[in-house]
């Protein structure tokens, strides 16, 4: 299993642990959307809280984590 596959599996199991690990700030926005941001990045990622989460939002979150990690 690749590094990304493991991260996606962790996100599925408990997304808040991943958000806390990378010090991402998250608050509930309008309706049922989650706003995710980090002080190092100047944009906010808005994720709808519908299940299942569409793959594009997982990809965007992974890109955000890569930016924070410096990869």
PDB file of N, CA and C in Angstrom:
ATOM      1  N   UNK A   1       0.848  -1.173   0.000  1.00  0.00           N
ATOM      2  CA  UNK A   1       0.000   0.000   0.000  1.00  0.00           C
ATOM      3  C   UNK A   1       0.899   1.244   0.000  1.00  0.00           C
ATOM      4  N   UNK A   2       0.605   2.181  -0.883  1.00  0.00           N
ATOM      5  CA  UNK A   2       1.442   3.375  -0.999  1.00  0.00           C
ATOM      6  C   UNK A   2       1.143   4.356   0.131  1.00  0.00           C
ATOM      7  N   UNK A   3       1.994   5.362   0.249  1.00  0.00           N
ATOM      8  CA  UNK A   3       1.855   6.385   1.274  1.00  0.00           C
ATOM      9  C   UNK A   3       0.502   7.106   1.149  1.00  0.00           C
ATOM     10  N   UNK A   4       0.108   7.432  -0.066  1.00  0.00           N
ATOM     11  CA  UNK A   4      -1.152   8.138  -0.286  1.00  0.00           C
ATOM     12  C   UNK A   4      -2.328   7.238   0.074  1.00  0.00           C
ATOM     13  N   UNK A   5      -2.253   5.961  -0.285  1.00  0.00           N
ATOM     14  CA  UNK A   5      -3.328   5.026   0.058  1.00  0.00           C
ATOM     15  C   UNK A   5      -3.499   4.923   1.578  1.00  0.00           C
ATOM     16  N   UNK A   6      -2.385   4.890   2.300  1.00  0.00           N
ATOM     17  CA  UNK A   6      -2.455   4.822   3.760  1.00  0.00           C
ATOM     18  C   UNK A   6      -3.090   6.093   4.330  1.00  0.00           C
ATOM     19  N   UNK A   7      -2.715   7.248   3.779  1.00  0.00           N
ATOM     20  CA  UNK A   7      -3.275   8.509   4.249  1.00  0.00           C
ATOM     21  C   UNK A   7      -4.771   8.585   3.972  1.00  0.00           C
ATOM     22  N   UNK A   8      -5.178   8.147   2.802  1.00  0.00           N
ATOM     23  CA  UNK A   8      -6.601   8.152   2.463  1.00  0.00           C
ATOM     24  C   UNK A   8      -7.365   7.217   3.398  1.00  0.00           C
ATOM     25  N   UNK A   9      -6.789   6.074   3.709  1.00  0.00           N
ATOM     26  CA  UNK A   9      -7.435   5.146   4.630  1.00  0.00           C
ATOM     27  C   UNK A   9      -7.576   5.774   6.020  1.00  0.00           C
ATOM     28  N   UNK A  10      -6.536   6.485   6.468  1.00  0.00           N
ATOM     29  CA  UNK A  10      -6.614   7.167   7.760  1.00  0.00           C
ATOM     30  C   UNK A  10      -7.684   8.253   7.736  1.00  0.00           C
ATOM     31  N   UNK A  11      -7.784   8.963   6.623  1.00  0.00           N
ATOM     32  CA  UNK A  11      -8.813   9.991   6.492  1.00  0.00           C
ATOM     33  C   UNK A  11     -10.201   9.377   6.599  1.00  0.00           C
ATOM     34  N   UNK A  12     -10.375   8.230   5.982  1.00  0.00           N
ATOM     35  CA  UNK A  12     -11.680   7.566   6.046  1.00  0.00           C
ATOM     36  C   UNK A  12     -12.015   7.114   7.460  1.00  0.00           C
ATOM     37  N   UNK A  13     -11.009   6.637   8.182  1.00  0.00           N
ATOM     38  CA  UNK A  13     -11.240   6.116   9.523  1.00  0.00           C
ATOM     39  C   UNK A  13     -11.500   7.220  10.544  1.00  0.00           C
ATOM     40  N   UNK A  14     -10.720   8.285  10.512  1.00  0.00           N
ATOM     41  CA  UNK A  14     -10.888   9.369  11.476  1.00  0.00           C
ATOM     42  C   UNK A  14     -10.248  10.642  10.919  1.00  0.00           C
ATOM     43  N   UNK A  15     -11.006  11.443  10.167  1.00  0.00           N
ATOM     44  CA  UNK A  15     -10.434  12.621   9.519  1.00  0.00           C
ATOM     45  C   UNK A  15      -9.898  13.663  10.484  1.00  0.00           C
ATOM     46  N   UNK A  16     -10.455  13.772  11.678  1.00  0.00           N
ATOM     47  CA  UNK A  16      -9.994  14.811  12.610  1.00  0.00           C
ATOM     48  C   UNK A  16      -8.568  14.557  13.075  1.00  0.00           C
ATOM     49  N   UNK A  17      -8.153  13.281  13.199  1.00  0.00           N
ATOM     50  CA  UNK A  17      -6.781  12.987  13.595  1.00  0.00           C
ATOM     51  C   UNK A  17      -5.791  13.530  12.563  1.00  0.00           C
ATOM     52  N   UNK A  18      -6.107  13.371  11.281  1.00  0.00           N
ATOM     53  CA  UNK A  18      -5.228  13.867  10.223  1.00  0.00           C
ATOM     54  C   UNK A  18      -5.196  15.390  10.245  1.00  0.00           C
ATOM     55  N   UNK A  19      -6.342  16.015  10.410  1.00  0.00           N
ATOM     56  CA  UNK A  19      -6.395  17.473  10.439  1.00  0.00           C
ATOM     57  C   UNK A  19      -5.592  18.002  11.620  1.00  0.00           C
ATOM     58  N   UNK A  20      -5.692  17.359  12.772  1.00  0.00           N
ATOM     59  CA  UNK A  20      -4.934  17.790  13.945  1.00  0.00           C
ATOM     60  C   UNK A  20      -3.434  17.554  13.756  1.00  0.00           C
ATOM     61  N   UNK A  21      -3.072  16.463  13.136  1.00  0.00           N
ATOM     62  CA  UNK A  21      -1.662  16.130  12.934  1.00  0.00           C
ATOM     63  C   UNK A  21      -0.945  17.201  12.116  1.00  0.00           C
ATOM     64  N   UNK A  22      -1.602  17.724  11.109  1.00  0.00           N
ATOM     65  CA  UNK A  22      -0.990  18.744  10.253  1.00  0.00           C
ATOM     66  C   UNK A  22      -1.364  20.156  10.688  1.00  0.00           C
ATOM     67  N   UNK A  23      -1.926  20.285  11.892  1.00  0.00           N
ATOM     68  CA  UNK A  23      -2.295  21.564  12.482  1.00  0.00           C
ATOM     69  C   UNK A  23      -3.217  22.382  11.584  1.00  0.00           C
ATOM     70  N   UNK A  24      -4.111  21.680  10.914  1.00  0.00           N
ATOM     71  CA  UNK A  24      -5.100  22.350  10.082  1.00  0.00           C
ATOM     72  C   UNK A  24      -6.248  22.822  10.978  1.00  0.00           C
ATOM     73  N   UNK A  25      -6.667  24.052  10.752  1.00  0.00           N
ATOM     74  CA  UNK A  25      -7.796  24.590  11.503  1.00  0.00           C
ATOM     75  C   UNK A  25      -9.057  24.278  10.716  1.00  0.00           C
ATOM     76  N   UNK A  26     -10.070  23.803  11.389  1.00  0.00           N
ATOM     77  CA  UNK A  26     -11.308  23.485  10.699  1.00  0.00           C
ATOM     78  C   UNK A  26     -12.489  23.981  11.523  1.00  0.00           C
ATOM     79  N   UNK A  27     -13.418  24.610  10.830  1.00  0.00           N
ATOM     80  CA  UNK A  27     -14.642  25.082  11.466  1.00  0.00           C
ATOM     81  C   UNK A  27     -15.805  24.774  10.535  1.00  0.00           C
ATOM     82  N   UNK A  28     -16.964  24.623  11.116  1.00  0.00           N
ATOM     83  CA  UNK A  28     -18.141  24.410  10.297  1.00  0.00           C
ATOM     84  C   UNK A  28     -18.553  25.734   9.699  1.00  0.00           C
ATOM     85  N   UNK A  29     -18.747  25.731   8.393  1.00  0.00           N
ATOM     86  CA  UNK A  29     -19.159  26.927   7.683  1.00  0.00           C
ATOM     87  C   UNK A  29     -20.666  26.950   7.518  1.00  0.00           C
ATOM     88  N   UNK A  30     -21.083  27.594   6.466  1.00  0.00           N
ATOM     89  CA  UNK A  30     -22.504  27.699   6.175  1.00  0.00           C
ATOM     90  C   UNK A  30     -23.074  26.318   5.848  1.00  0.00           C
ATOM     91  N   UNK A  31     -24.216  26.009   6.427  1.00  0.00           N
ATOM     92  CA  UNK A  31     -24.836  24.721   6.142  1.00  0.00           C
ATOM     93  C   UNK A  31     -23.992  23.581   6.670  1.00  0.00           C
ATOM     94  N   UNK A  32     -23.741  22.619   5.813  1.00  0.00           N
ATOM     95  CA  UNK A  32     -22.976  21.439   6.232  1.00  0.00           C
ATOM     96  C   UNK A  32     -21.629  21.367   5.516  1.00  0.00           C
ATOM     97  N   UNK A  33     -20.926  22.489   5.469  1.00  0.00           N
ATOM     98  CA  UNK A  33     -19.613  22.547   4.848  1.00  0.00           C
ATOM     99  C   UNK A  33     -18.550  22.763   5.924  1.00  0.00           C
ATOM    100  N   UNK A  34     -17.413  22.136   5.724  1.00  0.00           N
ATOM    101  CA  UNK A  34     -16.287  22.262   6.632  1.00  0.00           C
ATOM    102  C   UNK A  34     -15.251  23.156   5.979  1.00  0.00           C
ATOM    103  N   UNK A  35     -14.824  24.207   6.676  1.00  0.00           N
ATOM    104  CA  UNK A  35     -13.794  25.110   6.174  1.00  0.00           C
ATOM    105  C   UNK A  35     -12.459  24.704   6.793  1.00  0.00           C
ATOM    106  N   UNK A  36     -11.473  24.430   5.956  1.00  0.00           N
ATOM    107  CA  UNK A  36     -10.164  23.975   6.412  1.00  0.00           C
ATOM    108  C   UNK A  36      -9.122  24.992   5.967  1.00  0.00           C
ATOM    109  N   UNK A  37      -8.266  25.409   6.916  1.00  0.00           N
ATOM    110  CA  UNK A  37      -7.201  26.350   6.559  1.00  0.00           C
ATOM    111  C   UNK A  37      -5.977  26.095   7.426  1.00  0.00           C
ATOM    112  N   UNK A  38      -4.869  26.719   7.015  1.00  0.00           N
ATOM    113  CA  UNK A  38      -3.609  26.602   7.728  1.00  0.00           C
ATOM    114  C   UNK A  38      -2.896  27.946   7.624  1.00  0.00           C
ATOM    115  N   UNK A  39      -2.211  28.380   8.674  1.00  0.00           N
ATOM    116  CA  UNK A  39      -1.544  29.692   8.638  1.00  0.00           C
ATOM    117  C   UNK A  39      -0.503  29.849   7.518  1.00  0.00           C
ATOM    118  N   UNK A  40       0.113  28.760   7.079  1.00  0.00           N
ATOM    119  CA  UNK A  40       1.128  28.835   6.026  1.00  0.00           C
ATOM    120  C   UNK A  40       0.522  29.034   4.636  1.00  0.00           C
ATOM    121  N   UNK A  41      -0.763  28.800   4.493  1.00  0.00           N
ATOM    122  CA  UNK A  41      -1.417  28.826   3.186  1.00  0.00           C
ATOM    123  C   UNK A  41      -2.470  29.928   3.170  1.00  0.00           C
ATOM    124  N   UNK A  42      -2.544  30.678   2.073  1.00  0.00           N
ATOM    125  CA  UNK A  42      -3.476  31.806   2.021  1.00  0.00           C
ATOM    126  C   UNK A  42      -4.791  31.479   1.324  1.00  0.00           C
ATOM    127  N   UNK A  43      -5.294  30.300   1.463  1.00  0.00           N
ATOM    128  CA  UNK A  43      -6.627  29.996   0.946  1.00  0.00           C
ATOM    129  C   UNK A  43      -7.338  29.054   1.917  1.00  0.00           C
ATOM    130  N   UNK A  44      -8.639  29.001   1.788  1.00  0.00           N
ATOM    131  CA  UNK A  44      -9.468  28.135   2.621  1.00  0.00           C
ATOM    132  C   UNK A  44     -10.062  27.047   1.725  1.00  0.00           C
ATOM    133  N   UNK A  45      -9.950  25.821   2.148  1.00  0.00           N
ATOM    134  CA  UNK A  45     -10.540  24.705   1.431  1.00  0.00           C
ATOM    135  C   UNK A  45     -11.921  24.430   2.035  1.00  0.00           C
ATOM    136  N   UNK A  46     -12.942  24.483   1.208  1.00  0.00           N
ATOM    137  CA  UNK A  46     -14.307  24.241   1.666  1.00  0.00           C
ATOM    138  C   UNK A  46     -14.721  22.847   1.197  1.00  0.00           C
ATOM    139  N   UNK A  47     -15.057  22.002   2.168  1.00  0.00           N
ATOM    140  CA  UNK A  47     -15.401  20.605   1.876  1.00  0.00           C
ATOM    141  C   UNK A  47     -16.844  20.357   2.298  1.00  0.00           C
ATOM    142  N   UNK A  48     -17.705  19.938   1.371  1.00  0.00           N
ATOM    143  CA  UNK A  48     -19.068  19.574   1.775  1.00  0.00           C
ATOM    144  C   UNK A  48     -19.034  18.296   2.610  1.00  0.00           C
ATOM    145  N   UNK A  49     -19.865  18.253   3.618  1.00  0.00           N
ATOM    146  CA  UNK A  49     -19.849  17.118   4.545  1.00  0.00           C
ATOM    147  C   UNK A  49     -20.810  16.013   4.134  1.00  0.00           C
ATOM    148  N   UNK A  50     -21.100  15.910   2.860  1.00  0.00           N
ATOM    149  CA  UNK A  50     -21.961  14.830   2.374  1.00  0.00           C
ATOM    150  C   UNK A  50     -21.138  13.552   2.272  1.00  0.00           C
ATOM    151  N   UNK A  51     -21.769  12.437   2.561  1.00  0.00           N
ATOM    152  CA  UNK A  51     -21.073  11.159   2.414  1.00  0.00           C
ATOM    153  C   UNK A  51     -21.605  10.471   1.186  1.00  0.00           C
ATOM    154  N   UNK A  52     -20.817   9.844   0.393  1.00  0.00           N
ATOM    155  CA  UNK A  52     -19.355   9.832   0.468  1.00  0.00           C
ATOM    156  C   UNK A  52     -18.766  11.137  -0.052  1.00  0.00           C
ATOM    157  N   UNK A  53     -17.604  11.483   0.468  1.00  0.00           N
ATOM    158  CA  UNK A  53     -16.905  12.696   0.033  1.00  0.00           C
ATOM    159  C   UNK A  53     -16.371  12.443  -1.369  1.00  0.00           C
ATOM    160  N   UNK A  54     -16.604  13.386  -2.259  1.00  0.00           N
ATOM    161  CA  UNK A  54     -16.140  13.234  -3.635  1.00  0.00           C
ATOM    162  C   UNK A  54     -14.616  13.231  -3.675  1.00  0.00           C
ATOM    163  N   UNK A  55     -14.029  12.452  -4.564  1.00  0.00           N
ATOM    164  CA  UNK A  55     -12.568  12.327  -4.638  1.00  0.00           C
ATOM    165  C   UNK A  55     -11.841  13.652  -4.848  1.00  0.00           C
ATOM    166  N   UNK A  56     -12.452  14.610  -5.525  1.00  0.00           N
ATOM    167  CA  UNK A  56     -11.772  15.882  -5.780  1.00  0.00           C
ATOM    168  C   UNK A  56     -11.418  16.594  -4.477  1.00  0.00           C
ATOM    169  N   UNK A  57     -12.266  16.466  -3.452  1.00  0.00           N
ATOM    170  CA  UNK A  57     -11.989  17.128  -2.180  1.00  0.00           C
ATOM    171  C   UNK A  57     -10.856  16.427  -1.426  1.00  0.00           C
ATOM    172  N   UNK A  58     -10.774  15.123  -1.563  1.00  0.00           N
ATOM    173  CA  UNK A  58      -9.656  14.393  -0.966  1.00  0.00           C
ATOM    174  C   UNK A  58      -8.357  14.789  -1.640  1.00  0.00           C
ATOM    175  N   UNK A  59      -8.385  14.918  -2.953  1.00  0.00           N
ATOM    176  CA  UNK A  59      -7.192  15.323  -3.706  1.00  0.00           C
ATOM    177  C   UNK A  59      -6.763  16.728  -3.293  1.00  0.00           C
ATOM    178  N   UNK A  60      -7.716  17.643  -3.168  1.00  0.00           N
ATOM    179  CA  UNK A  60      -7.395  19.014  -2.767  1.00  0.00           C
ATOM    180  C   UNK A  60      -6.812  19.046  -1.358  1.00  0.00           C
ATOM    181  N   UNK A  61      -7.357  18.234  -0.450  1.00  0.00           N
ATOM    182  CA  UNK A  61      -6.830  18.180   0.906  1.00  0.00           C
ATOM    183  C   UNK A  61      -5.418  17.606   0.915  1.00  0.00           C
ATOM    184  N   UNK A  62      -5.164  16.584   0.108  1.00  0.00           N
ATOM    185  CA  UNK A  62      -3.817  16.016   0.018  1.00  0.00           C
ATOM    186  C   UNK A  62      -2.825  17.033  -0.539  1.00  0.00           C
ATOM    187  N   UNK A  63      -3.248  17.833  -1.520  1.00  0.00           N
ATOM    188  CA  UNK A  63      -2.376  18.882  -2.059  1.00  0.00           C
ATOM    189  C   UNK A  63      -2.069  19.918  -0.992  1.00  0.00           C
ATOM    190  N   UNK A  64      -3.070  20.256  -0.185  1.00  0.00           N
ATOM    191  CA  UNK A  64      -2.869  21.210   0.906  1.00  0.00           C
ATOM    192  C   UNK A  64      -1.853  20.659   1.908  1.00  0.00           C
ATOM    193  N   UNK A  65      -1.981  19.385   2.252  1.00  0.00           N
ATOM    194  CA  UNK A  65      -1.045  18.750   3.187  1.00  0.00           C
ATOM    195  C   UNK A  65       0.361  18.730   2.584  1.00  0.00           C
ATOM    196  N   UNK A  66       0.489  18.467   1.288  1.00  0.00           N
ATOM    197  CA  UNK A  66       1.794  18.496   0.639  1.00  0.00           C
ATOM    198  C   UNK A  66       2.416  19.882   0.706  1.00  0.00           C
ATOM    199  N   UNK A  67       1.620  20.926   0.519  1.00  0.00           N
ATOM    200  CA  UNK A  67       2.136  22.303   0.614  1.00  0.00           C
ATOM    201  C   UNK A  67       2.643  22.597   2.020  1.00  0.00           C
ATOM    202  N   UNK A  68       1.910  22.136   3.013  1.00  0.00           N
ATOM    203  CA  UNK A  68       2.314  22.364   4.400  1.00  0.00           C
ATOM    204  C   UNK A  68       3.604  21.609   4.714  1.00  0.00           C
ATOM    205  N   UNK A  69       3.687  20.382   4.218  1.00  0.00           N
ATOM    206  CA  UNK A  69       4.859  19.535   4.489  1.00  0.00           C
ATOM    207  C   UNK A  69       6.084  19.968   3.696  1.00  0.00           C
ATOM    208  N   UNK A  70       5.866  20.778   2.665  1.00  0.00           N
ATOM    209  CA  UNK A  70       6.969  21.230   1.838  1.00  0.00           C
ATOM    210  C   UNK A  70       7.353  20.246   0.752  1.00  0.00           C
ATOM    211  N   UNK A  71       6.434  19.365   0.398  1.00  0.00           N
ATOM    212  CA  UNK A  71       6.722  18.363  -0.646  1.00  0.00           C
ATOM    213  C   UNK A  71       6.307  18.861  -1.989  1.00  0.00           C
TER     214      UNK A  71
END
